[in-house]
Amino acid sequence: MPPRLAATAPLPTRRGVGPSTVGLPAGEWPTLLDFLLARFPGVAEATWRSRMHAGDVVDEKGRPVQPAQPYRPHQRLYYYREIEDEPRIPVEERVLFQDAHLLVADKPHFLPVTPTGKYLQESLLVRLKRRLGIDTLAPIHRIDRGTAGLVLFCVDPAGRAAYQKLFADRGVRKQYEAIVHWPSGVVLPAVRHSRLVPDASFLRTAEVAGEPNSTTHFELLERIGDDHARLRLSPVTGRKHQLRVHCNALGMPLVNDPVYPVLLPAAEDDHAAPLKLLARQLSFRDPVTGALREFQSTLTLDA
């Protein structure tokens, strides 16, 4: 999750990226540089010195700070996160709808919705901000980096809470398409209710005994040969990896899933073998304009 921002940050958006912020807790660090090196061990000292000398690390009043500046707790610093030599992800997003309140994009496989880990400029949000010049753009919901399909963004910050509440109140009808491994004996349509919790590995979600907190409806669209099938998945809830976990629990894991049923070692993306999951359709009544909305992805899943 990106660092929290104040209501008004003292640095503007730059190349589609807003400033990150870090709070200064009570502690005995001699200088601001000492604190930053301890707080972010993955960032080299030379990188922080370069950022500070360029004026890209500032305090709450927008004043540039220097490496040798004495540490003072209970303040906030703002800075631009950067990733050197970030590789281009060779896919292209598409804007399907845009008005003064809402933007709908078709996200390809492999592109994260927001900056995370080694992806910054190569995220859907930052690409759209750069391309459209809308610094206020903010995602209303998320889909996994490996999942393709529809993502909704709020254009006007005044309406963001209303759109987020719509998702929280399950006011959005969502349909996904998936291609799965098809075992003998599966009968669809079906509904999966189960309890999902974080797994011991933070990369996974576990299905455990207990009161259900997730629900997915399954429909068979077509059989593909003897051992695959195309499904329509309609989630009622939106837990992390819900569709992937539910498919796997029914004995029909998604094709090209590197996490379920077996967590595979991290590897470079194979763009010829994407996860076979697509956010196909979203429909709802717009809480800002009152209009009925229905959006369909233009992307497809090849069998």
C-alpha atoms as a PDB file:
ATOM      1  CA  MET A   1       0.000   0.000   0.000  1.00  0.00           C
ATOM      2  CA  PRO A   2       1.429   3.434  -0.900  1.00  0.00           C
ATOM      3  CA  PRO A   3       2.315   5.776   1.990  1.00  0.00           C
ATOM      4  CA  ARG A   4      -0.458   7.989   3.309  1.00  0.00           C
ATOM      5  CA  LEU A   5      -0.660  11.544   1.999  1.00  0.00           C
ATOM      6  CA  ALA A   6      -1.824  14.603   3.831  1.00  0.00           C
ATOM      7  CA  ALA A   7      -4.942  16.387   2.585  1.00  0.00           C
ATOM      8  CA  THR A   8      -2.665  18.811   0.699  1.00  0.00           C
ATOM      9  CA  ALA A   9       0.842  17.615  -0.071  1.00  0.00           C
ATOM     10  CA  PRO A  10       3.619  20.248  -0.344  1.00  0.00           C
ATOM     11  CA  LEU A  11       4.948  18.691  -3.565  1.00  0.00           C
ATOM     12  CA  PRO A  12       2.975  18.516  -6.832  1.00  0.00           C
ATOM     13  CA  THR A  13       2.375  15.434  -8.947  1.00  0.00           C
ATOM     14  CA  ARG A  14       5.359  14.792 -11.227  1.00  0.00           C
ATOM     15  CA  ARG A  15       5.209  12.523 -14.290  1.00  0.00           C
ATOM     16  CA  GLY A  16       1.962  11.086 -12.981  1.00  0.00           C
ATOM     17  CA  VAL A  17       3.361  10.298  -9.519  1.00  0.00           C
ATOM     18  CA  GLY A  18       2.315  12.140  -6.387  1.00  0.00           C
ATOM     19  CA  PRO A  19       4.740  12.534  -3.483  1.00  0.00           C
ATOM     20  CA  SER A  20       5.134   9.816  -0.882  1.00  0.00           C
ATOM     21  CA  THR A  21       5.288  10.723   2.787  1.00  0.00           C
ATOM     22  CA  VAL A  22       6.860   9.303   5.926  1.00  0.00           C
ATOM     23  CA  GLY A  23       6.259  10.259   9.554  1.00  0.00           C
ATOM     24  CA  LEU A  24       9.189  10.891  11.897  1.00  0.00           C
ATOM     25  CA  PRO A  25       8.661   8.918  15.131  1.00  0.00           C
ATOM     26  CA  ALA A  26      10.402   9.396  18.443  1.00  0.00           C
ATOM     27  CA  GLY A  27      13.973   8.142  18.132  1.00  0.00           C
ATOM     28  CA  GLU A  28      17.667   8.867  18.482  1.00  0.00           C
ATOM     29  CA  TRP A  29      18.814   9.230  14.859  1.00  0.00           C
ATOM     30  CA  PRO A  30      21.426  12.003  14.605  1.00  0.00           C
ATOM     31  CA  THR A  31      20.315  13.306  11.201  1.00  0.00           C
ATOM     32  CA  LEU A  32      17.422  13.032   8.788  1.00  0.00           C
ATOM     33  CA  LEU A  33      19.643  11.023   6.462  1.00  0.00           C
ATOM     34  CA  ASP A  34      20.386   8.520   9.248  1.00  0.00           C
ATOM     35  CA  PHE A  35      16.656   8.039   9.808  1.00  0.00           C
ATOM     36  CA  LEU A  36      15.872   7.583   6.120  1.00  0.00           C
ATOM     37  CA  LEU A  37      18.632   4.993   5.695  1.00  0.00           C
ATOM     38  CA  ALA A  38      17.274   3.043   8.671  1.00  0.00           C
ATOM     39  CA  ARG A  39      13.657   3.374   7.574  1.00  0.00           C
ATOM     40  CA  PHE A  40      14.293   2.455   3.926  1.00  0.00           C
ATOM     41  CA  PRO A  41      17.266   0.038   3.877  1.00  0.00           C
ATOM     42  CA  GLY A  42      16.659  -0.785   0.221  1.00  0.00           C
ATOM     43  CA  VAL A  43      17.393   2.794  -0.884  1.00  0.00           C
ATOM     44  CA  ALA A  44      21.068   3.673  -1.219  1.00  0.00           C
ATOM     45  CA  GLU A  45      22.617   6.592   0.654  1.00  0.00           C
ATOM     46  CA  ALA A  46      23.679   8.155  -2.646  1.00  0.00           C
ATOM     47  CA  THR A  47      20.050   8.107  -3.811  1.00  0.00           C
ATOM     48  CA  TRP A  48      18.807  10.008  -0.749  1.00  0.00           C
ATOM     49  CA  ARG A  49      21.656  12.520  -1.025  1.00  0.00           C
ATOM     50  CA  SER A  50      20.848  13.095  -4.690  1.00  0.00           C
ATOM     51  CA  ARG A  51      17.140  13.576  -3.934  1.00  0.00           C
ATOM     52  CA  MET A  52      17.881  16.033  -1.138  1.00  0.00           C
ATOM     53  CA  HIS A  53      20.388  18.032  -3.184  1.00  0.00           C
ATOM     54  CA  ALA A  54      17.759  18.283  -5.951  1.00  0.00           C
ATOM     55  CA  GLY A  55      15.189  19.651  -3.482  1.00  0.00           C
ATOM     56  CA  ASP A  56      12.997  16.573  -3.834  1.00  0.00           C
ATOM     57  CA  VAL A  57      12.729  15.848  -0.096  1.00  0.00           C
ATOM     58  CA  VAL A  58      10.786  18.483   1.829  1.00  0.00           C
ATOM     59  CA  ASP A  59       9.114  19.016   5.193  1.00  0.00           C
ATOM     60  CA  GLU A  60       5.426  19.734   5.855  1.00  0.00           C
ATOM     61  CA  LYS A  61       5.878  23.386   4.829  1.00  0.00           C
ATOM     62  CA  GLY A  62       7.561  22.468   1.552  1.00  0.00           C
ATOM     63  CA  ARG A  63      11.043  23.448   2.722  1.00  0.00           C
ATOM     64  CA  PRO A  64      13.850  21.276   1.265  1.00  0.00           C
ATOM     65  CA  VAL A  65      15.760  19.277   3.870  1.00  0.00           C
ATOM     66  CA  GLN A  66      19.441  18.395   3.828  1.00  0.00           C
ATOM     67  CA  PRO A  67      21.321  15.168   4.689  1.00  0.00           C
ATOM     68  CA  ALA A  68      23.050  16.578   7.788  1.00  0.00           C
ATOM     69  CA  GLN A  69      19.931  18.297   9.133  1.00  0.00           C
ATOM     70  CA  PRO A  70      19.326  17.227  12.785  1.00  0.00           C
ATOM     71  CA  TYR A  71      16.548  14.712  13.320  1.00  0.00           C
ATOM     72  CA  ARG A  72      13.395  16.136  14.908  1.00  0.00           C
ATOM     73  CA  PRO A  73      10.504  13.720  15.639  1.00  0.00           C
ATOM     74  CA  HIS A  74       6.766  14.231  15.132  1.00  0.00           C
ATOM     75  CA  GLN A  75       7.043  15.775  11.672  1.00  0.00           C
ATOM     76  CA  ARG A  76       6.495  14.469   8.150  1.00  0.00           C
ATOM     77  CA  LEU A  77       8.782  14.374   5.139  1.00  0.00           C
ATOM     78  CA  TYR A  78       7.596  14.279   1.528  1.00  0.00           C
ATOM     79  CA  TYR A  79       9.610  12.875  -1.344  1.00  0.00           C
ATOM     80  CA  TYR A  80       9.291  11.467  -4.850  1.00  0.00           C
ATOM     81  CA  ARG A  81       9.687   7.731  -5.131  1.00  0.00           C
ATOM     82  CA  GLU A  82      11.749   6.671  -8.139  1.00  0.00           C
ATOM     83  CA  ILE A  83      12.771   3.373  -9.689  1.00  0.00           C
ATOM     84  CA  GLU A  84      15.920   3.390 -11.748  1.00  0.00           C
ATOM     85  CA  ASP A  85      15.820   1.608 -15.095  1.00  0.00           C
ATOM     86  CA  GLU A  86      12.192   0.547 -14.680  1.00  0.00           C
ATOM     87  CA  PRO A  87      11.437  -1.718 -17.647  1.00  0.00           C
ATOM     88  CA  ARG A  88       8.508  -1.033 -19.932  1.00  0.00           C
ATOM     89  CA  ILE A  89       5.630  -3.528 -19.668  1.00  0.00           C
ATOM     90  CA  PRO A  90       4.787  -4.265 -23.329  1.00  0.00           C
ATOM     91  CA  VAL A  91       0.993  -3.927 -23.084  1.00  0.00           C
ATOM     92  CA  GLU A  92      -1.373  -1.021 -23.710  1.00  0.00           C
ATOM     93  CA  GLU A  93      -4.358   0.098 -21.660  1.00  0.00           C
ATOM     94  CA  ARG A  94      -7.512   1.522 -23.220  1.00  0.00           C
ATOM     95  CA  VAL A  95      -9.915   4.174 -21.909  1.00  0.00           C
ATOM     96  CA  LEU A  96     -13.494   3.009 -22.486  1.00  0.00           C
ATOM     97  CA  PHE A  97     -15.412   5.848 -20.837  1.00  0.00           C
ATOM     98  CA  GLN A  98     -14.699   9.247 -19.323  1.00  0.00           C
ATOM     99  CA  ASP A  99     -16.827  12.071 -17.973  1.00  0.00           C
ATOM    100  CA  ALA A 100     -16.337  14.704 -15.260  1.00  0.00           C
ATOM    101  CA  HIS A 101     -16.754  12.121 -12.495  1.00  0.00           C
ATOM    102  CA  LEU A 102     -15.769   8.673 -13.715  1.00  0.00           C
ATOM    103  CA  LEU A 103     -13.193   6.992 -15.935  1.00  0.00           C
ATOM    104  CA  VAL A 104     -13.282   3.345 -17.005  1.00  0.00           C
ATOM    105  CA  ALA A 105     -10.173   1.648 -18.344  1.00  0.00           C
ATOM    106  CA  ASP A 106      -9.462  -1.763 -19.841  1.00  0.00           C
ATOM    107  CA  LYS A 107      -6.332  -3.056 -18.091  1.00  0.00           C
ATOM    108  CA  PRO A 108      -4.198  -5.671 -19.845  1.00  0.00           C
ATOM    109  CA  HIS A 109      -2.618  -8.597 -18.044  1.00  0.00           C
ATOM    110  CA  PHE A 110       0.653  -7.903 -16.152  1.00  0.00           C
ATOM    111  CA  LEU A 111      -0.008  -4.176 -15.557  1.00  0.00           C
ATOM    112  CA  PRO A 112      -0.566  -3.252 -11.871  1.00  0.00           C
ATOM    113  CA  VAL A 113      -3.399  -0.849 -11.110  1.00  0.00           C
ATOM    114  CA  THR A 114      -1.306   1.301  -8.739  1.00  0.00           C
ATOM    115  CA  PRO A 115       2.432   1.660  -8.038  1.00  0.00           C
ATOM    116  CA  THR A 116       3.725  -1.318  -6.092  1.00  0.00           C
ATOM    117  CA  GLY A 117       7.084  -2.988  -5.553  1.00  0.00           C
ATOM    118  CA  LYS A 118       9.230  -2.603  -8.675  1.00  0.00           C
ATOM    119  CA  TYR A 119       6.439  -0.905 -10.656  1.00  0.00           C
ATOM    120  CA  LEU A 120       5.908   2.854 -10.584  1.00  0.00           C
ATOM    121  CA  GLN A 121       5.649   4.506 -13.993  1.00  0.00           C
ATOM    122  CA  GLU A 122       4.532   1.116 -15.313  1.00  0.00           C
ATOM    123  CA  SER A 123       1.226   1.114 -13.439  1.00  0.00           C
ATOM    124  CA  LEU A 124      -2.211   1.820 -14.880  1.00  0.00           C
ATOM    125  CA  LEU A 125      -2.825   4.804 -12.599  1.00  0.00           C
ATOM    126  CA  VAL A 126       0.446   6.566 -13.413  1.00  0.00           C
ATOM    127  CA  ARG A 127       0.162   5.833 -17.127  1.00  0.00           C
ATOM    128  CA  LEU A 128      -3.326   7.360 -17.195  1.00  0.00           C
ATOM    129  CA  LYS A 129      -2.279  10.404 -15.173  1.00  0.00           C
ATOM    130  CA  ARG A 130       0.594  11.079 -17.555  1.00  0.00           C
ATOM    131  CA  ARG A 131      -1.499  10.456 -20.655  1.00  0.00           C
ATOM    132  CA  LEU A 132      -4.589  12.433 -19.612  1.00  0.00           C
ATOM    133  CA  GLY A 133      -3.089  15.050 -17.306  1.00  0.00           C
ATOM    134  CA  ILE A 134      -5.600  14.296 -14.526  1.00  0.00           C
ATOM    135  CA  ASP A 135      -3.636  14.561 -11.280  1.00  0.00           C
ATOM    136  CA  THR A 136      -6.765  13.862  -9.187  1.00  0.00           C
ATOM    137  CA  LEU A 137      -7.376  10.454 -10.775  1.00  0.00           C
ATOM    138  CA  ALA A 138      -7.826   7.722  -8.133  1.00  0.00           C
ATOM    139  CA  PRO A 139      -8.843   4.046  -8.416  1.00  0.00           C
ATOM    140  CA  ILE A 140     -12.205   3.127  -6.911  1.00  0.00           C
ATOM    141  CA  HIS A 141     -11.367  -0.589  -6.700  1.00  0.00           C
ATOM    142  CA  ARG A 142      -8.523  -2.961  -7.592  1.00  0.00           C
ATOM    143  CA  ILE A 143      -7.905  -6.070  -9.625  1.00  0.00           C
ATOM    144  CA  ASP A 144      -4.730  -8.165  -9.465  1.00  0.00           C
ATOM    145  CA  ARG A 145      -1.760  -7.367 -11.703  1.00  0.00           C
ATOM    146  CA  GLY A 146      -2.247 -10.739 -13.393  1.00  0.00           C
ATOM    147  CA  THR A 147      -5.953 -10.134 -14.050  1.00  0.00           C
ATOM    148  CA  ALA A 148      -7.088  -8.226 -17.128  1.00  0.00           C
ATOM    149  CA  GLY A 149     -10.221  -6.159 -17.598  1.00  0.00           C
ATOM    150  CA  LEU A 150     -12.262  -3.290 -16.246  1.00  0.00           C
ATOM    151  CA  VAL A 151     -11.000  -0.832 -13.643  1.00  0.00           C
ATOM    152  CA  LEU A 152     -12.952   2.219 -12.471  1.00  0.00           C
ATOM    153  CA  PHE A 153     -11.316   5.513 -11.512  1.00  0.00           C
ATOM    154  CA  CYS A 154     -12.752   8.602  -9.868  1.00  0.00           C
ATOM    155  CA  VAL A 155     -11.941  11.843 -11.694  1.00  0.00           C
ATOM    156  CA  ASP A 156     -13.408  14.355  -9.221  1.00  0.00           C
ATOM    157  CA  PRO A 157     -12.243  13.830  -5.607  1.00  0.00           C
ATOM    158  CA  ALA A 158     -15.613  15.084  -4.360  1.00  0.00           C
ATOM    159  CA  GLY A 159     -17.300  11.919  -5.640  1.00  0.00           C
ATOM    160  CA  ARG A 160     -14.703   9.373  -4.559  1.00  0.00           C
ATOM    161  CA  ALA A 161     -16.379   8.428  -1.268  1.00  0.00           C
ATOM    162  CA  ALA A 162     -19.714   7.806  -3.015  1.00  0.00           C
ATOM    163  CA  TYR A 163     -18.156   5.424  -5.552  1.00  0.00           C
ATOM    164  CA  GLN A 164     -16.151   3.588  -2.914  1.00  0.00           C
ATOM    165  CA  LYS A 165     -19.272   3.201  -0.782  1.00  0.00           C
ATOM    166  CA  LEU A 166     -21.033   1.717  -3.791  1.00  0.00           C
ATOM    167  CA  PHE A 167     -18.462  -1.090  -3.891  1.00  0.00           C
ATOM    168  CA  ALA A 168     -18.421  -1.500  -0.111  1.00  0.00           C
ATOM    169  CA  ASP A 169     -22.228  -1.822  -0.082  1.00  0.00           C
ATOM    170  CA  ARG A 170     -22.088  -4.420  -2.912  1.00  0.00           C
ATOM    171  CA  GLY A 171     -23.968  -2.134  -5.245  1.00  0.00           C
ATOM    172  CA  VAL A 172     -21.861  -3.172  -8.261  1.00  0.00           C
ATOM    173  CA  ARG A 173     -22.720  -6.287 -10.258  1.00  0.00           C
ATOM    174  CA  LYS A 174     -19.443  -7.879 -11.355  1.00  0.00           C
ATOM    175  CA  GLN A 175     -18.882 -10.621 -13.880  1.00  0.00           C
ATOM    176  CA  TYR A 176     -15.574 -12.258 -14.684  1.00  0.00           C
ATOM    177  CA  GLU A 177     -14.568 -14.756 -17.327  1.00  0.00           C
ATOM    178  CA  ALA A 178     -12.066 -17.512 -16.625  1.00  0.00           C
ATOM    179  CA  ILE A 179     -10.497 -20.484 -18.358  1.00  0.00           C
ATOM    180  CA  VAL A 180      -9.880 -23.317 -15.924  1.00  0.00           C
ATOM    181  CA  HIS A 181      -8.581 -26.838 -15.757  1.00  0.00           C
ATOM    182  CA  TRP A 182     -11.713 -29.008 -15.981  1.00  0.00           C
ATOM    183  CA  PRO A 183     -11.820 -32.203 -13.924  1.00  0.00           C
ATOM    184  CA  SER A 184     -14.409 -34.920 -14.389  1.00  0.00           C
ATOM    185  CA  GLY A 185     -17.452 -34.802 -12.165  1.00  0.00           C
ATOM    186  CA  VAL A 186     -17.817 -31.020 -11.825  1.00  0.00           C
ATOM    187  CA  VAL A 187     -21.436 -29.859 -12.016  1.00  0.00           C
ATOM    188  CA  LEU A 188     -22.276 -26.214 -12.750  1.00  0.00           C
ATOM    189  CA  PRO A 189     -23.955 -23.819 -12.074  1.00  0.00           C
ATOM    190  CA  ALA A 190     -22.771 -23.739  -8.488  1.00  0.00           C
ATOM    191  CA  VAL A 191     -22.212 -21.299  -5.617  1.00  0.00           C
ATOM    192  CA  ARG A 192     -19.172 -21.289  -3.331  1.00  0.00           C
ATOM    193  CA  HIS A 193     -19.528 -19.831   0.169  1.00  0.00           C
ATOM    194  CA  SER A 194     -16.432 -19.988   2.362  1.00  0.00           C
ATOM    195  CA  ARG A 195     -14.254 -18.182   4.853  1.00  0.00           C
ATOM    196  CA  LEU A 196     -11.114 -16.617   3.392  1.00  0.00           C
ATOM    197  CA  VAL A 197      -8.221 -15.400   5.548  1.00  0.00           C
ATOM    198  CA  PRO A 198      -4.604 -14.337   4.923  1.00  0.00           C
ATOM    199  CA  ASP A 199      -2.336 -17.322   4.420  1.00  0.00           C
ATOM    200  CA  ALA A 200       0.991 -17.894   6.146  1.00  0.00           C
ATOM    201  CA  SER A 201       2.503 -16.732   2.861  1.00  0.00           C
ATOM    202  CA  PHE A 202       1.430 -13.128   2.280  1.00  0.00           C
ATOM    203  CA  LEU A 203       1.175 -13.936  -1.426  1.00  0.00           C
ATOM    204  CA  ARG A 204      -1.743 -16.306  -0.844  1.00  0.00           C
ATOM    205  CA  THR A 205      -5.218 -16.428   0.680  1.00  0.00           C
ATOM    206  CA  ALA A 206      -6.375 -19.495   2.610  1.00  0.00           C
ATOM    207  CA  GLU A 207      -9.827 -21.051   2.785  1.00  0.00           C
ATOM    208  CA  VAL A 208     -10.601 -22.156   6.364  1.00  0.00           C
ATOM    209  CA  ALA A 209     -13.472 -23.488   8.432  1.00  0.00           C
ATOM    210  CA  GLY A 210     -15.772 -20.885   9.955  1.00  0.00           C
ATOM    211  CA  GLU A 211     -18.499 -18.418   9.113  1.00  0.00           C
ATOM    212  CA  PRO A 212     -18.383 -17.644   5.363  1.00  0.00           C
ATOM    213  CA  ASN A 213     -17.207 -14.186   4.347  1.00  0.00           C
ATOM    214  CA  SER A 214     -17.057 -14.764   0.572  1.00  0.00           C
ATOM    215  CA  THR A 215     -19.476 -15.866  -2.131  1.00  0.00           C
ATOM    216  CA  THR A 216     -18.958 -16.642  -5.824  1.00  0.00           C
ATOM    217  CA  HIS A 217     -21.453 -17.899  -8.421  1.00  0.00           C
ATOM    218  CA  PHE A 218     -20.138 -20.179 -11.201  1.00  0.00           C
ATOM    219  CA  GLU A 219     -21.613 -20.842 -14.651  1.00  0.00           C
ATOM    220  CA  LEU A 220     -20.219 -22.999 -17.449  1.00  0.00           C
ATOM    221  CA  LEU A 221     -19.950 -21.116 -20.744  1.00  0.00           C
ATOM    222  CA  GLU A 222     -18.238 -23.786 -22.832  1.00  0.00           C
ATOM    223  CA  ARG A 223     -16.065 -26.868 -22.657  1.00  0.00           C
ATOM    224  CA  ILE A 224     -12.673 -26.497 -24.332  1.00  0.00           C
ATOM    225  CA  GLY A 225     -11.398 -29.895 -25.339  1.00  0.00           C
ATOM    226  CA  ASP A 226     -11.354 -32.634 -22.725  1.00  0.00           C
ATOM    227  CA  ASP A 227      -9.645 -30.837 -19.875  1.00  0.00           C
ATOM    228  CA  HIS A 228     -10.450 -27.105 -19.962  1.00  0.00           C
ATOM    229  CA  ALA A 229     -13.566 -24.946 -19.696  1.00  0.00           C
ATOM    230  CA  ARG A 230     -14.599 -21.320 -19.975  1.00  0.00           C
ATOM    231  CA  LEU A 231     -16.589 -20.066 -16.974  1.00  0.00           C
ATOM    232  CA  ARG A 232     -18.557 -16.998 -15.949  1.00  0.00           C
ATOM    233  CA  LEU A 233     -17.727 -16.030 -12.371  1.00  0.00           C
ATOM    234  CA  SER A 234     -19.980 -13.620 -10.464  1.00  0.00           C
ATOM    235  CA  PRO A 235     -18.485 -12.629  -7.102  1.00  0.00           C
ATOM    236  CA  VAL A 236     -20.808 -11.171  -4.490  1.00  0.00           C
ATOM    237  CA  THR A 237     -17.910 -10.238  -2.207  1.00  0.00           C
ATOM    238  CA  GLY A 238     -14.423  -9.010  -3.058  1.00  0.00           C
ATOM    239  CA  ARG A 239     -11.830 -10.805  -0.954  1.00  0.00           C
ATOM    240  CA  LYS A 240      -8.191 -10.991  -2.033  1.00  0.00           C
ATOM    241  CA  HIS A 241      -7.739 -13.768  -4.642  1.00  0.00           C
ATOM    242  CA  GLN A 242     -11.340 -14.848  -4.040  1.00  0.00           C
ATOM    243  CA  LEU A 243     -12.004 -16.168  -7.535  1.00  0.00           C
ATOM    244  CA  ARG A 244      -8.682 -17.972  -7.757  1.00  0.00           C
ATOM    245  CA  VAL A 245      -9.135 -19.603  -4.340  1.00  0.00           C
ATOM    246  CA  HIS A 246     -12.740 -20.634  -5.025  1.00  0.00           C
ATOM    247  CA  CYS A 247     -11.879 -22.116  -8.414  1.00  0.00           C
ATOM    248  CA  ASN A 248      -9.012 -24.053  -6.889  1.00  0.00           C
ATOM    249  CA  ALA A 249     -11.195 -25.272  -4.008  1.00  0.00           C
ATOM    250  CA  LEU A 250     -13.640 -26.749  -6.528  1.00  0.00           C
ATOM    251  CA  GLY A 251     -10.794 -28.625  -8.216  1.00  0.00           C
ATOM    252  CA  MET A 252     -10.632 -26.396 -11.281  1.00  0.00           C
ATOM    253  CA  PRO A 253      -7.730 -23.939 -10.846  1.00  0.00           C
ATOM    254  CA  LEU A 254      -7.236 -21.149 -13.340  1.00  0.00           C
ATOM    255  CA  VAL A 255      -4.966 -21.814 -16.286  1.00  0.00           C
ATOM    256  CA  ASN A 256      -1.507 -20.242 -15.839  1.00  0.00           C
ATOM    257  CA  ASP A 257      -2.053 -19.414 -12.156  1.00  0.00           C
ATOM    258  CA  PRO A 258       1.386 -19.183 -10.476  1.00  0.00           C
ATOM    259  CA  VAL A 259      -0.091 -19.109  -6.952  1.00  0.00           C
ATOM    260  CA  TYR A 260      -2.851 -21.761  -6.776  1.00  0.00           C
ATOM    261  CA  PRO A 261      -2.757 -24.675  -6.241  1.00  0.00           C
ATOM    262  CA  VAL A 262       1.056 -24.396  -5.936  1.00  0.00           C
ATOM    263  CA  LEU A 263       2.995 -21.214  -5.225  1.00  0.00           C
ATOM    264  CA  LEU A 264       5.679 -21.200  -7.899  1.00  0.00           C
ATOM    265  CA  PRO A 265       9.056 -19.477  -7.499  1.00  0.00           C
ATOM    266  CA  ALA A 266       9.152 -15.873  -8.635  1.00  0.00           C
ATOM    267  CA  ALA A 267      10.037 -15.563 -12.301  1.00  0.00           C
ATOM    268  CA  GLU A 268       9.997 -13.085 -15.140  1.00  0.00           C
ATOM    269  CA  ASP A 269       6.574 -12.539 -16.676  1.00  0.00           C
ATOM    270  CA  ASP A 270       5.740 -14.848 -19.548  1.00  0.00           C
ATOM    271  CA  HIS A 271       3.585 -12.606 -21.715  1.00  0.00           C
ATOM    272  CA  ALA A 272       2.618 -15.579 -23.850  1.00  0.00           C
ATOM    273  CA  ALA A 273       1.004 -17.288 -20.845  1.00  0.00           C
ATOM    274  CA  PRO A 274      -1.137 -14.809 -18.885  1.00  0.00           C
ATOM    275  CA  LEU A 275      -3.440 -15.770 -16.049  1.00  0.00           C
ATOM    276  CA  LYS A 276      -6.734 -16.737 -17.666  1.00  0.00           C
ATOM    277  CA  LEU A 277      -8.926 -14.311 -15.723  1.00  0.00           C
ATOM    278  CA  LEU A 278     -10.774 -11.295 -17.112  1.00  0.00           C
ATOM    279  CA  ALA A 279     -12.943  -8.679 -15.380  1.00  0.00           C
ATOM    280  CA  ARG A 280     -15.558  -8.802 -18.121  1.00  0.00           C
ATOM    281  CA  GLN A 281     -18.491  -6.630 -16.982  1.00  0.00           C
ATOM    282  CA  LEU A 282     -19.466  -4.040 -14.368  1.00  0.00           C
ATOM    283  CA  SER A 283     -22.964  -2.617 -13.925  1.00  0.00           C
ATOM    284  CA  PHE A 284     -24.396  -0.245 -11.318  1.00  0.00           C
ATOM    285  CA  ARG A 285     -26.402   2.923 -10.769  1.00  0.00           C
ATOM    286  CA  ASP A 286     -24.025   5.868 -10.691  1.00  0.00           C
ATOM    287  CA  PRO A 287     -24.204   7.351  -7.172  1.00  0.00           C
ATOM    288  CA  VAL A 288     -23.184  10.814  -8.444  1.00  0.00           C
ATOM    289  CA  THR A 289     -25.245  11.223 -11.621  1.00  0.00           C
ATOM    290  CA  GLY A 290     -28.001   8.647 -11.009  1.00  0.00           C
ATOM    291  CA  ALA A 291     -27.417   7.094 -14.444  1.00  0.00           C
ATOM    292  CA  LEU A 292     -27.470   3.344 -15.008  1.00  0.00           C
ATOM    293  CA  ARG A 293     -23.990   2.225 -15.995  1.00  0.00           C
ATOM    294  CA  GLU A 294     -22.886  -0.957 -17.729  1.00  0.00           C
ATOM    295  CA  PHE A 295     -19.396  -1.479 -19.047  1.00  0.00           C
ATOM    296  CA  GLN A 296     -17.968  -4.400 -21.032  1.00  0.00           C
ATOM    297  CA  SER A 297     -14.289  -5.193 -21.491  1.00  0.00           C
ATOM    298  CA  THR A 298     -13.019  -5.272 -25.068  1.00  0.00           C
ATOM    299  CA  LEU A 299     -10.332  -7.796 -24.119  1.00  0.00           C
ATOM    300  CA  THR A 300     -10.617 -11.524 -24.671  1.00  0.00           C
ATOM    301  CA  LEU A 301      -9.226 -14.732 -23.190  1.00  0.00           C
ATOM    302  CA  ASP A 302      -7.736 -17.023 -25.810  1.00  0.00           C
ATOM    303  CA  ALA A 303      -8.401 -20.666 -25.098  1.00  0.00           C
END
